[in-house]
């Protein structure tokens, strides 16, 4: 788990935007997980936002480094992005998101459960902000098919104590369904 050294900025779940276009970001916390079949998944916390990049490891070349298979970003302030979709599916990619409004006690319990449940996992990244231990952004791989042809699934959680919201996403991705250029 990472305690971020930046203040929590008041945002709401309905201000989150979503894009599959590459967005240059400097993560506040991240973890790269190497999977069988030469695929890597980088899970990054961007404050109350996240970014996931999936790459096929074809050796260290400029081409493989510059052209990920998938680039998912959910963040506020993405001018060219769409509002976070409840559901979206295209080219082996499926996203589902849900915004849940809860009371302060339930939000605190959920944030604590996330921190405890994902702590120590090598396929997850969890960050919280100073000043409010229940302001949490977490990402975790949920399932991996085991080869480059398998389905990769990850989940994310964004808690907003000031509005009593928990935004959760579940994404699945099948790299073999992506047309190679």
N, C-alpha and C. Protein backbone atom coordinates (compact mmCIF):
# COMPACT_ATOMS: atom_id res chain seq x y z
N UNK A 1 0.83 -1.18 0.00
CA UNK A 1 0.00 0.00 0.00
C UNK A 1 0.87 1.24 0.00
N UNK A 2 0.41 2.27 -0.65
CA UNK A 2 1.15 3.51 -0.75
C UNK A 2 0.35 4.64 -0.12
N UNK A 3 0.96 5.38 0.79
CA UNK A 3 0.36 6.60 1.31
C UNK A 3 0.87 7.72 0.43
N UNK A 4 -0.05 8.36 -0.28
CA UNK A 4 0.35 9.42 -1.21
C UNK A 4 0.68 10.68 -0.43
N UNK A 5 1.57 11.48 -0.98
CA UNK A 5 1.97 12.71 -0.30
C UNK A 5 1.36 13.94 -0.97
N UNK A 6 0.21 13.75 -1.58
CA UNK A 6 -0.52 14.87 -2.18
C UNK A 6 -1.90 14.93 -1.54
N UNK A 7 -2.49 16.11 -1.47
CA UNK A 7 -3.82 16.20 -0.85
C UNK A 7 -4.89 15.57 -1.73
N UNK A 8 -5.93 15.08 -1.10
CA UNK A 8 -7.08 14.54 -1.80
C UNK A 8 -7.87 15.70 -2.37
N UNK A 9 -8.17 15.66 -3.65
CA UNK A 9 -8.92 16.72 -4.31
C UNK A 9 -10.38 16.28 -4.40
N UNK A 10 -11.27 17.17 -3.98
CA UNK A 10 -12.68 16.83 -4.01
C UNK A 10 -13.14 16.61 -5.45
N UNK A 11 -13.62 15.41 -5.71
CA UNK A 11 -14.20 15.06 -7.00
C UNK A 11 -15.41 14.18 -6.74
N UNK A 12 -16.17 13.95 -7.79
CA UNK A 12 -17.33 13.08 -7.71
C UNK A 12 -17.18 11.99 -8.76
N UNK A 13 -17.81 10.87 -8.52
CA UNK A 13 -17.77 9.78 -9.47
C UNK A 13 -18.29 10.17 -10.84
N UNK A 14 -19.29 11.07 -10.88
CA UNK A 14 -19.86 11.44 -12.18
C UNK A 14 -18.96 12.37 -12.99
N UNK A 15 -17.82 12.79 -12.43
CA UNK A 15 -16.88 13.61 -13.19
C UNK A 15 -15.78 12.77 -13.84
N UNK A 16 -15.79 11.46 -13.57
CA UNK A 16 -14.78 10.60 -14.18
C UNK A 16 -15.03 10.45 -15.67
N UNK A 17 -13.95 10.48 -16.43
CA UNK A 17 -13.98 10.30 -17.88
C UNK A 17 -13.18 9.04 -18.19
N UNK A 18 -13.38 8.49 -19.38
CA UNK A 18 -12.78 7.22 -19.73
C UNK A 18 -12.31 7.26 -21.18
N UNK A 19 -11.13 6.68 -21.41
CA UNK A 19 -10.61 6.61 -22.77
C UNK A 19 -9.69 5.40 -22.94
N UNK A 20 -9.63 4.92 -24.17
CA UNK A 20 -8.67 3.89 -24.54
C UNK A 20 -7.52 4.50 -25.34
N UNK A 21 -7.57 5.80 -25.56
CA UNK A 21 -6.49 6.49 -26.26
C UNK A 21 -5.30 6.64 -25.30
N UNK A 22 -4.08 6.57 -25.80
CA UNK A 22 -2.92 6.78 -24.92
C UNK A 22 -2.96 8.17 -24.29
N UNK A 23 -2.82 8.22 -22.98
CA UNK A 23 -2.79 9.48 -22.24
C UNK A 23 -1.50 9.50 -21.43
N UNK A 24 -0.60 10.43 -21.73
CA UNK A 24 0.64 10.48 -20.94
C UNK A 24 0.34 10.96 -19.51
N UNK A 25 0.72 10.15 -18.55
CA UNK A 25 0.48 10.46 -17.14
C UNK A 25 1.68 10.02 -16.33
N UNK A 26 1.90 10.71 -15.23
CA UNK A 26 2.92 10.30 -14.28
C UNK A 26 2.20 9.66 -13.11
N UNK A 27 2.35 8.35 -12.95
CA UNK A 27 1.62 7.69 -11.87
C UNK A 27 2.16 8.07 -10.49
N UNK A 28 1.25 8.07 -9.52
CA UNK A 28 1.63 8.31 -8.13
C UNK A 28 2.07 7.01 -7.48
N UNK A 29 1.55 5.90 -7.99
CA UNK A 29 1.93 4.56 -7.54
C UNK A 29 1.61 3.61 -8.68
N UNK A 30 2.46 2.61 -8.89
CA UNK A 30 2.17 1.66 -9.96
C UNK A 30 2.84 0.33 -9.68
N UNK A 31 2.38 -0.67 -10.40
CA UNK A 31 2.95 -2.01 -10.32
C UNK A 31 2.79 -2.66 -11.68
N UNK A 32 3.88 -3.27 -12.16
CA UNK A 32 3.84 -4.01 -13.41
C UNK A 32 3.88 -5.49 -13.09
N UNK A 33 2.94 -6.23 -13.67
CA UNK A 33 2.83 -7.67 -13.45
C UNK A 33 3.15 -8.35 -14.77
N UNK A 34 4.12 -9.26 -14.75
CA UNK A 34 4.47 -10.03 -15.94
C UNK A 34 3.66 -11.31 -15.95
N UNK A 35 3.00 -11.56 -17.06
CA UNK A 35 2.15 -12.74 -17.20
C UNK A 35 2.80 -13.73 -18.14
N UNK A 36 2.33 -14.97 -18.09
CA UNK A 36 2.80 -15.97 -19.04
C UNK A 36 2.45 -15.52 -20.45
N UNK A 37 3.22 -15.96 -21.42
CA UNK A 37 2.92 -15.63 -22.80
C UNK A 37 3.48 -14.29 -23.23
N UNK A 38 4.35 -13.68 -22.40
CA UNK A 38 5.00 -12.44 -22.80
C UNK A 38 4.12 -11.21 -22.73
N UNK A 39 3.14 -11.19 -21.83
CA UNK A 39 2.27 -10.04 -21.67
C UNK A 39 2.54 -9.41 -20.31
N UNK A 40 2.57 -8.08 -20.26
CA UNK A 40 2.70 -7.38 -18.99
C UNK A 40 1.51 -6.44 -18.82
N UNK A 41 1.13 -6.24 -17.56
CA UNK A 41 0.04 -5.34 -17.22
C UNK A 41 0.58 -4.36 -16.19
N UNK A 42 0.50 -3.07 -16.49
CA UNK A 42 0.91 -2.04 -15.54
C UNK A 42 -0.33 -1.38 -14.97
N UNK A 43 -0.48 -1.51 -13.65
CA UNK A 43 -1.60 -0.92 -12.91
C UNK A 43 -1.09 0.36 -12.26
N UNK A 44 -1.71 1.50 -12.56
CA UNK A 44 -1.22 2.78 -12.04
C UNK A 44 -2.33 3.58 -11.38
N UNK A 45 -1.98 4.19 -10.24
CA UNK A 45 -2.86 5.11 -9.54
C UNK A 45 -2.47 6.52 -9.98
N UNK A 46 -3.47 7.29 -10.42
CA UNK A 46 -3.26 8.68 -10.83
C UNK A 46 -4.06 9.58 -9.91
N UNK A 47 -3.86 9.49 -8.64
CA UNK A 47 -4.69 10.22 -7.68
C UNK A 47 -5.97 9.44 -7.49
N UNK A 48 -7.11 10.10 -7.64
CA UNK A 48 -8.39 9.42 -7.52
C UNK A 48 -8.77 8.77 -8.85
N UNK A 49 -7.80 8.52 -9.68
CA UNK A 49 -7.99 7.98 -11.02
C UNK A 49 -7.05 6.80 -11.23
N UNK A 50 -7.22 6.13 -12.37
CA UNK A 50 -6.33 5.01 -12.65
C UNK A 50 -5.99 4.91 -14.14
N UNK A 51 -4.94 4.15 -14.40
CA UNK A 51 -4.54 3.83 -15.77
C UNK A 51 -4.01 2.40 -15.78
N UNK A 52 -4.41 1.64 -16.79
CA UNK A 52 -3.92 0.27 -16.97
C UNK A 52 -3.37 0.18 -18.39
N UNK A 53 -2.14 -0.32 -18.50
CA UNK A 53 -1.51 -0.49 -19.80
C UNK A 53 -1.11 -1.96 -19.95
N UNK A 54 -1.55 -2.56 -21.05
CA UNK A 54 -1.22 -3.95 -21.35
C UNK A 54 -0.27 -3.95 -22.54
N UNK A 55 0.84 -4.66 -22.39
CA UNK A 55 1.84 -4.75 -23.46
C UNK A 55 2.20 -6.21 -23.71
N UNK A 56 2.56 -6.48 -24.95
CA UNK A 56 3.15 -7.77 -25.28
C UNK A 56 4.65 -7.55 -25.29
N UNK A 57 5.37 -8.31 -24.48
CA UNK A 57 6.81 -8.13 -24.38
C UNK A 57 7.48 -8.79 -25.57
N UNK A 58 7.90 -7.96 -26.51
CA UNK A 58 8.58 -8.45 -27.71
C UNK A 58 10.06 -8.08 -27.64
N UNK A 59 10.56 -8.03 -26.44
CA UNK A 59 11.93 -7.55 -26.25
C UNK A 59 11.88 -6.04 -26.07
N UNK A 60 12.95 -5.48 -25.65
CA UNK A 60 12.99 -4.04 -25.40
C UNK A 60 13.28 -3.34 -26.71
N UNK A 61 12.21 -2.93 -27.37
CA UNK A 61 12.35 -2.18 -28.61
C UNK A 61 11.50 -0.94 -28.52
N UNK A 62 11.82 0.04 -29.29
CA UNK A 62 11.03 1.27 -29.29
C UNK A 62 9.60 0.97 -29.73
N UNK A 63 9.44 0.05 -30.67
CA UNK A 63 8.11 -0.26 -31.18
C UNK A 63 7.22 -0.84 -30.08
N UNK A 64 7.70 -1.83 -29.33
CA UNK A 64 6.86 -2.44 -28.30
C UNK A 64 6.63 -1.50 -27.14
N UNK A 65 7.59 -0.64 -26.84
CA UNK A 65 7.44 0.29 -25.73
C UNK A 65 6.45 1.39 -26.06
N UNK A 66 6.40 1.81 -27.33
CA UNK A 66 5.55 2.92 -27.72
C UNK A 66 4.14 2.50 -28.11
N UNK A 67 3.91 1.21 -28.35
CA UNK A 67 2.63 0.77 -28.85
C UNK A 67 2.04 -0.32 -27.97
N UNK A 68 1.42 0.06 -26.88
CA UNK A 68 0.80 -0.96 -26.03
C UNK A 68 -0.39 -1.61 -26.74
N UNK A 69 -0.75 -2.79 -26.30
CA UNK A 69 -1.94 -3.46 -26.83
C UNK A 69 -3.20 -2.73 -26.37
N UNK A 70 -3.17 -2.24 -25.13
CA UNK A 70 -4.34 -1.58 -24.55
C UNK A 70 -3.87 -0.51 -23.59
N UNK A 71 -4.59 0.58 -23.59
CA UNK A 71 -4.27 1.72 -22.74
C UNK A 71 -5.61 2.23 -22.19
N UNK A 72 -5.96 1.87 -20.95
CA UNK A 72 -7.23 2.30 -20.34
C UNK A 72 -6.95 3.36 -19.29
N UNK A 73 -7.63 4.50 -19.41
CA UNK A 73 -7.48 5.56 -18.42
C UNK A 73 -8.86 6.01 -17.96
N UNK A 74 -9.04 6.06 -16.64
CA UNK A 74 -10.25 6.60 -16.03
C UNK A 74 -9.79 7.71 -15.10
N UNK A 75 -10.16 8.95 -15.43
CA UNK A 75 -9.67 10.10 -14.67
C UNK A 75 -10.60 11.29 -14.88
N UNK A 76 -10.49 12.26 -14.02
CA UNK A 76 -11.20 13.52 -14.19
C UNK A 76 -10.35 14.42 -15.09
N UNK A 77 -10.99 15.32 -15.80
CA UNK A 77 -10.26 16.32 -16.56
C UNK A 77 -9.68 15.84 -17.88
N UNK A 78 -10.14 14.72 -18.40
CA UNK A 78 -9.68 14.25 -19.71
C UNK A 78 -10.59 14.87 -20.78
N UNK A 79 -10.13 15.93 -21.39
CA UNK A 79 -10.95 16.71 -22.32
C UNK A 79 -11.50 15.90 -23.49
N UNK A 80 -10.70 15.03 -24.05
CA UNK A 80 -11.10 14.28 -25.24
C UNK A 80 -11.78 12.95 -24.91
N UNK A 81 -12.04 12.69 -23.65
CA UNK A 81 -12.58 11.40 -23.24
C UNK A 81 -14.09 11.45 -23.04
N UNK A 82 -14.69 10.26 -23.03
CA UNK A 82 -16.13 10.13 -22.82
C UNK A 82 -16.42 9.98 -21.33
N UNK A 83 -17.65 10.27 -20.92
CA UNK A 83 -18.01 9.96 -19.54
C UNK A 83 -17.83 8.48 -19.28
N UNK A 84 -17.49 8.11 -18.06
CA UNK A 84 -17.30 6.71 -17.72
C UNK A 84 -18.57 5.93 -18.04
N UNK A 85 -18.43 4.96 -18.91
CA UNK A 85 -19.58 4.18 -19.38
C UNK A 85 -19.99 3.13 -18.34
N UNK A 86 -21.28 2.87 -18.25
CA UNK A 86 -21.74 1.77 -17.40
C UNK A 86 -21.30 0.45 -18.02
N UNK A 87 -21.30 0.38 -19.36
CA UNK A 87 -20.83 -0.80 -20.08
C UNK A 87 -20.26 -0.36 -21.42
N UNK A 88 -19.21 -1.07 -21.84
CA UNK A 88 -18.61 -0.82 -23.15
C UNK A 88 -17.90 -2.09 -23.59
N UNK A 89 -18.02 -2.40 -24.88
CA UNK A 89 -17.37 -3.60 -25.40
C UNK A 89 -16.89 -3.34 -26.81
N UNK A 90 -15.62 -3.70 -27.09
CA UNK A 90 -15.07 -3.57 -28.43
C UNK A 90 -13.76 -4.35 -28.53
N UNK A 91 -13.53 -5.02 -29.64
CA UNK A 91 -12.25 -5.66 -29.96
C UNK A 91 -11.62 -6.42 -28.79
N UNK A 92 -12.35 -7.30 -28.16
CA UNK A 92 -11.80 -8.11 -27.08
C UNK A 92 -11.72 -7.40 -25.74
N UNK A 93 -12.27 -6.19 -25.66
CA UNK A 93 -12.24 -5.37 -24.44
C UNK A 93 -13.66 -5.19 -23.94
N UNK A 94 -13.85 -5.42 -22.63
CA UNK A 94 -15.15 -5.19 -22.00
C UNK A 94 -14.95 -4.43 -20.70
N UNK A 95 -15.71 -3.37 -20.52
CA UNK A 95 -15.67 -2.56 -19.31
C UNK A 95 -17.07 -2.49 -18.73
N UNK A 96 -17.16 -2.65 -17.42
CA UNK A 96 -18.41 -2.40 -16.70
C UNK A 96 -18.05 -1.52 -15.51
N UNK A 97 -18.87 -0.51 -15.25
CA UNK A 97 -18.61 0.35 -14.09
C UNK A 97 -19.90 0.55 -13.32
N UNK A 98 -19.71 0.84 -12.04
CA UNK A 98 -20.86 1.04 -11.17
C UNK A 98 -20.51 2.09 -10.12
N UNK A 99 -21.40 3.04 -9.93
CA UNK A 99 -21.24 4.05 -8.88
C UNK A 99 -22.26 3.74 -7.81
N UNK A 100 -21.77 3.59 -6.58
CA UNK A 100 -22.64 3.26 -5.46
C UNK A 100 -22.52 4.34 -4.40
N UNK A 101 -23.65 4.87 -3.96
CA UNK A 101 -23.65 5.85 -2.88
C UNK A 101 -23.90 5.12 -1.57
N UNK A 102 -23.04 5.40 -0.58
CA UNK A 102 -23.12 4.72 0.71
C UNK A 102 -22.96 5.74 1.84
N UNK A 103 -23.31 5.33 3.02
CA UNK A 103 -23.11 6.17 4.19
C UNK A 103 -21.65 6.13 4.64
N UNK A 104 -21.27 7.03 5.54
CA UNK A 104 -19.89 7.11 6.00
C UNK A 104 -19.35 5.80 6.61
N UNK A 105 -20.17 5.09 7.37
CA UNK A 105 -19.71 3.85 8.00
C UNK A 105 -19.45 2.76 6.96
N UNK A 106 -20.34 2.65 5.98
CA UNK A 106 -20.15 1.64 4.93
C UNK A 106 -18.95 1.97 4.05
N UNK A 107 -18.77 3.25 3.75
CA UNK A 107 -17.61 3.64 2.95
C UNK A 107 -16.32 3.34 3.70
N UNK A 108 -16.28 3.65 4.99
CA UNK A 108 -15.09 3.35 5.80
C UNK A 108 -14.82 1.86 5.84
N UNK A 109 -15.87 1.05 6.00
CA UNK A 109 -15.70 -0.40 6.04
C UNK A 109 -15.19 -0.92 4.70
N UNK A 110 -15.74 -0.42 3.60
CA UNK A 110 -15.31 -0.86 2.26
C UNK A 110 -13.86 -0.45 1.99
N UNK A 111 -13.50 0.77 2.35
CA UNK A 111 -12.11 1.23 2.14
C UNK A 111 -11.15 0.36 2.96
N UNK A 112 -11.51 0.07 4.20
CA UNK A 112 -10.66 -0.79 5.05
C UNK A 112 -10.55 -2.19 4.47
N UNK A 113 -11.66 -2.73 3.97
CA UNK A 113 -11.66 -4.06 3.36
C UNK A 113 -10.73 -4.10 2.15
N UNK A 114 -10.79 -3.06 1.33
CA UNK A 114 -9.91 -3.00 0.16
C UNK A 114 -8.44 -3.00 0.57
N UNK A 115 -8.11 -2.13 1.51
CA UNK A 115 -6.72 -2.01 1.95
C UNK A 115 -6.23 -3.34 2.53
N UNK A 116 -7.02 -3.95 3.41
CA UNK A 116 -6.63 -5.22 4.02
C UNK A 116 -6.58 -6.36 3.01
N UNK A 117 -7.58 -6.43 2.14
CA UNK A 117 -7.68 -7.53 1.19
C UNK A 117 -6.62 -7.51 0.10
N UNK A 118 -6.17 -6.32 -0.28
CA UNK A 118 -5.21 -6.21 -1.37
C UNK A 118 -3.78 -6.01 -0.87
N UNK A 119 -3.64 -5.72 0.40
CA UNK A 119 -2.31 -5.50 0.98
C UNK A 119 -1.44 -6.74 0.80
N UNK A 120 -0.24 -6.54 0.32
CA UNK A 120 0.70 -7.63 0.15
C UNK A 120 0.55 -8.41 -1.14
N UNK A 121 -0.48 -8.15 -1.91
CA UNK A 121 -0.63 -8.85 -3.19
C UNK A 121 0.35 -8.28 -4.21
N UNK A 122 0.96 -9.15 -4.97
CA UNK A 122 1.93 -8.70 -5.98
C UNK A 122 1.26 -8.36 -7.31
N UNK A 123 -0.05 -8.51 -7.38
CA UNK A 123 -0.79 -8.18 -8.60
C UNK A 123 -1.80 -7.07 -8.34
N UNK A 124 -1.49 -6.20 -7.36
CA UNK A 124 -2.40 -5.11 -7.01
C UNK A 124 -1.61 -3.89 -6.58
N UNK A 125 -2.26 -2.74 -6.65
CA UNK A 125 -1.70 -1.50 -6.12
C UNK A 125 -2.83 -0.76 -5.41
N UNK A 126 -2.54 -0.30 -4.20
CA UNK A 126 -3.51 0.40 -3.37
C UNK A 126 -2.86 1.68 -2.87
N UNK A 127 -3.59 2.78 -2.97
CA UNK A 127 -3.05 4.05 -2.47
C UNK A 127 -4.15 4.78 -1.71
N UNK A 128 -3.73 5.49 -0.66
CA UNK A 128 -4.69 6.36 0.02
C UNK A 128 -4.03 7.68 0.30
N UNK A 129 -4.88 8.67 0.56
CA UNK A 129 -4.44 10.05 0.66
C UNK A 129 -4.31 10.47 2.11
N UNK A 130 -3.40 11.38 2.40
CA UNK A 130 -3.27 11.88 3.76
C UNK A 130 -4.52 12.69 4.13
N UNK A 131 -4.86 12.65 5.38
CA UNK A 131 -5.99 13.44 5.85
C UNK A 131 -7.30 12.68 5.86
N UNK A 132 -7.43 11.65 5.03
CA UNK A 132 -8.64 10.84 5.05
C UNK A 132 -8.28 9.40 4.69
N UNK A 133 -8.19 8.52 5.68
CA UNK A 133 -7.78 7.14 5.41
C UNK A 133 -8.77 6.37 4.55
N UNK A 134 -9.95 6.94 4.31
CA UNK A 134 -10.96 6.25 3.52
C UNK A 134 -10.99 6.73 2.07
N UNK A 135 -10.12 7.66 1.72
CA UNK A 135 -9.95 8.10 0.34
C UNK A 135 -8.93 7.15 -0.30
N UNK A 136 -9.44 6.16 -1.02
CA UNK A 136 -8.60 5.07 -1.52
C UNK A 136 -8.80 4.90 -3.03
N UNK A 137 -7.72 4.62 -3.72
CA UNK A 137 -7.78 4.16 -5.11
C UNK A 137 -7.03 2.84 -5.14
N UNK A 138 -7.68 1.81 -5.69
CA UNK A 138 -7.07 0.47 -5.71
C UNK A 138 -7.32 -0.19 -7.06
N UNK A 139 -6.34 -0.97 -7.51
CA UNK A 139 -6.43 -1.75 -8.74
C UNK A 139 -5.87 -3.14 -8.45
N UNK A 140 -6.49 -4.16 -9.05
CA UNK A 140 -5.99 -5.52 -8.85
C UNK A 140 -6.35 -6.38 -10.05
N UNK A 141 -5.40 -7.24 -10.42
CA UNK A 141 -5.72 -8.25 -11.42
C UNK A 141 -6.68 -9.23 -10.76
N UNK A 142 -7.68 -9.63 -11.51
CA UNK A 142 -8.71 -10.50 -10.96
C UNK A 142 -8.62 -11.90 -11.52
N UNK A 143 -8.15 -12.00 -12.73
CA UNK A 143 -8.04 -13.31 -13.34
C UNK A 143 -7.18 -13.23 -14.58
N UNK A 144 -6.41 -14.25 -14.81
CA UNK A 144 -5.52 -14.29 -15.96
C UNK A 144 -5.64 -15.66 -16.59
N UNK A 145 -5.83 -15.69 -17.90
CA UNK A 145 -6.00 -16.94 -18.61
C UNK A 145 -4.75 -17.79 -18.68
N UNK A 146 -3.59 -17.25 -18.33
CA UNK A 146 -2.37 -18.04 -18.26
C UNK A 146 -1.48 -17.98 -19.47
N UNK A 147 -2.00 -17.55 -20.61
CA UNK A 147 -1.17 -17.42 -21.80
C UNK A 147 -1.52 -16.12 -22.49
N UNK A 148 -0.76 -15.81 -23.53
CA UNK A 148 -1.04 -14.57 -24.27
C UNK A 148 -2.43 -14.62 -24.90
N UNK A 149 -2.98 -15.82 -25.10
CA UNK A 149 -4.31 -15.94 -25.69
C UNK A 149 -5.41 -15.89 -24.64
N UNK A 150 -5.06 -15.87 -23.35
CA UNK A 150 -6.06 -15.89 -22.29
C UNK A 150 -6.66 -14.54 -22.02
N UNK A 151 -7.73 -14.55 -21.27
CA UNK A 151 -8.40 -13.31 -20.89
C UNK A 151 -7.75 -12.75 -19.63
N UNK A 152 -7.52 -11.46 -19.63
CA UNK A 152 -6.97 -10.75 -18.48
C UNK A 152 -8.12 -9.93 -17.90
N UNK A 153 -8.31 -10.02 -16.59
CA UNK A 153 -9.38 -9.27 -15.94
C UNK A 153 -8.79 -8.48 -14.79
N UNK A 154 -9.22 -7.22 -14.66
CA UNK A 154 -8.81 -6.42 -13.51
C UNK A 154 -10.01 -5.64 -13.00
N UNK A 155 -9.88 -5.28 -11.73
CA UNK A 155 -10.92 -4.49 -11.06
C UNK A 155 -10.28 -3.25 -10.46
N UNK A 156 -11.07 -2.20 -10.38
CA UNK A 156 -10.59 -0.97 -9.74
C UNK A 156 -11.67 -0.45 -8.80
N UNK A 157 -11.22 0.29 -7.80
CA UNK A 157 -12.12 0.92 -6.84
C UNK A 157 -11.61 2.32 -6.55
N UNK A 158 -12.54 3.27 -6.54
CA UNK A 158 -12.22 4.66 -6.22
C UNK A 158 -13.23 5.07 -5.15
N UNK A 159 -12.75 5.45 -3.97
CA UNK A 159 -13.68 5.87 -2.92
C UNK A 159 -13.60 7.39 -2.75
N UNK A 160 -14.76 7.99 -2.61
CA UNK A 160 -14.87 9.44 -2.45
C UNK A 160 -15.63 9.74 -1.15
N UNK A 161 -14.90 9.87 -0.03
CA UNK A 161 -15.57 10.08 1.26
C UNK A 161 -16.42 11.35 1.31
N UNK A 162 -16.01 12.39 0.62
CA UNK A 162 -16.74 13.65 0.69
C UNK A 162 -18.12 13.57 0.04
N UNK A 163 -18.32 12.61 -0.88
CA UNK A 163 -19.62 12.46 -1.52
C UNK A 163 -20.27 11.13 -1.19
N UNK A 164 -19.57 10.27 -0.44
CA UNK A 164 -20.12 8.96 -0.09
C UNK A 164 -20.26 8.04 -1.28
N UNK A 165 -19.33 8.13 -2.22
CA UNK A 165 -19.41 7.31 -3.43
C UNK A 165 -18.27 6.30 -3.50
N UNK A 166 -18.60 5.14 -4.06
CA UNK A 166 -17.59 4.14 -4.42
C UNK A 166 -17.80 3.84 -5.90
N UNK A 167 -16.78 4.10 -6.69
CA UNK A 167 -16.84 3.80 -8.11
C UNK A 167 -16.01 2.54 -8.33
N UNK A 168 -16.64 1.52 -8.89
CA UNK A 168 -15.94 0.26 -9.14
C UNK A 168 -16.02 -0.05 -10.63
N UNK A 169 -14.92 -0.57 -11.17
CA UNK A 169 -14.91 -1.01 -12.56
C UNK A 169 -14.40 -2.45 -12.62
N UNK A 170 -14.88 -3.16 -13.61
CA UNK A 170 -14.37 -4.48 -13.93
C UNK A 170 -14.09 -4.47 -15.43
N UNK A 171 -12.87 -4.82 -15.79
CA UNK A 171 -12.47 -4.84 -17.19
C UNK A 171 -11.93 -6.22 -17.53
N UNK A 172 -12.31 -6.73 -18.68
CA UNK A 172 -11.69 -7.96 -19.18
C UNK A 172 -11.19 -7.66 -20.59
N UNK A 173 -10.10 -8.32 -20.92
CA UNK A 173 -9.42 -8.04 -22.17
C UNK A 173 -8.80 -9.32 -22.71
N UNK A 174 -9.01 -9.57 -23.98
CA UNK A 174 -8.46 -10.75 -24.65
C UNK A 174 -7.48 -10.26 -25.72
N UNK A 175 -6.17 -10.27 -25.42
CA UNK A 175 -5.19 -9.75 -26.38
C UNK A 175 -5.24 -10.41 -27.75
N UNK A 176 -5.63 -11.68 -27.83
CA UNK A 176 -5.62 -12.35 -29.12
C UNK A 176 -6.72 -11.82 -30.05
N UNK A 177 -7.69 -11.08 -29.51
CA UNK A 177 -8.74 -10.52 -30.34
C UNK A 177 -8.37 -9.17 -30.93
N UNK A 178 -7.17 -8.69 -30.62
CA UNK A 178 -6.72 -7.41 -31.14
C UNK A 178 -6.00 -7.64 -32.45
N UNK A 179 -6.40 -6.91 -33.46
CA UNK A 179 -5.72 -7.02 -34.76
C UNK A 179 -4.33 -6.40 -34.62
N UNK A 180 -3.34 -7.12 -35.04
CA UNK A 180 -1.96 -6.59 -34.98
C UNK A 180 -1.66 -5.77 -36.23
N UNK A 181 -1.01 -4.67 -36.00
CA UNK A 181 -0.64 -3.78 -37.12
C UNK A 181 0.80 -4.02 -37.50
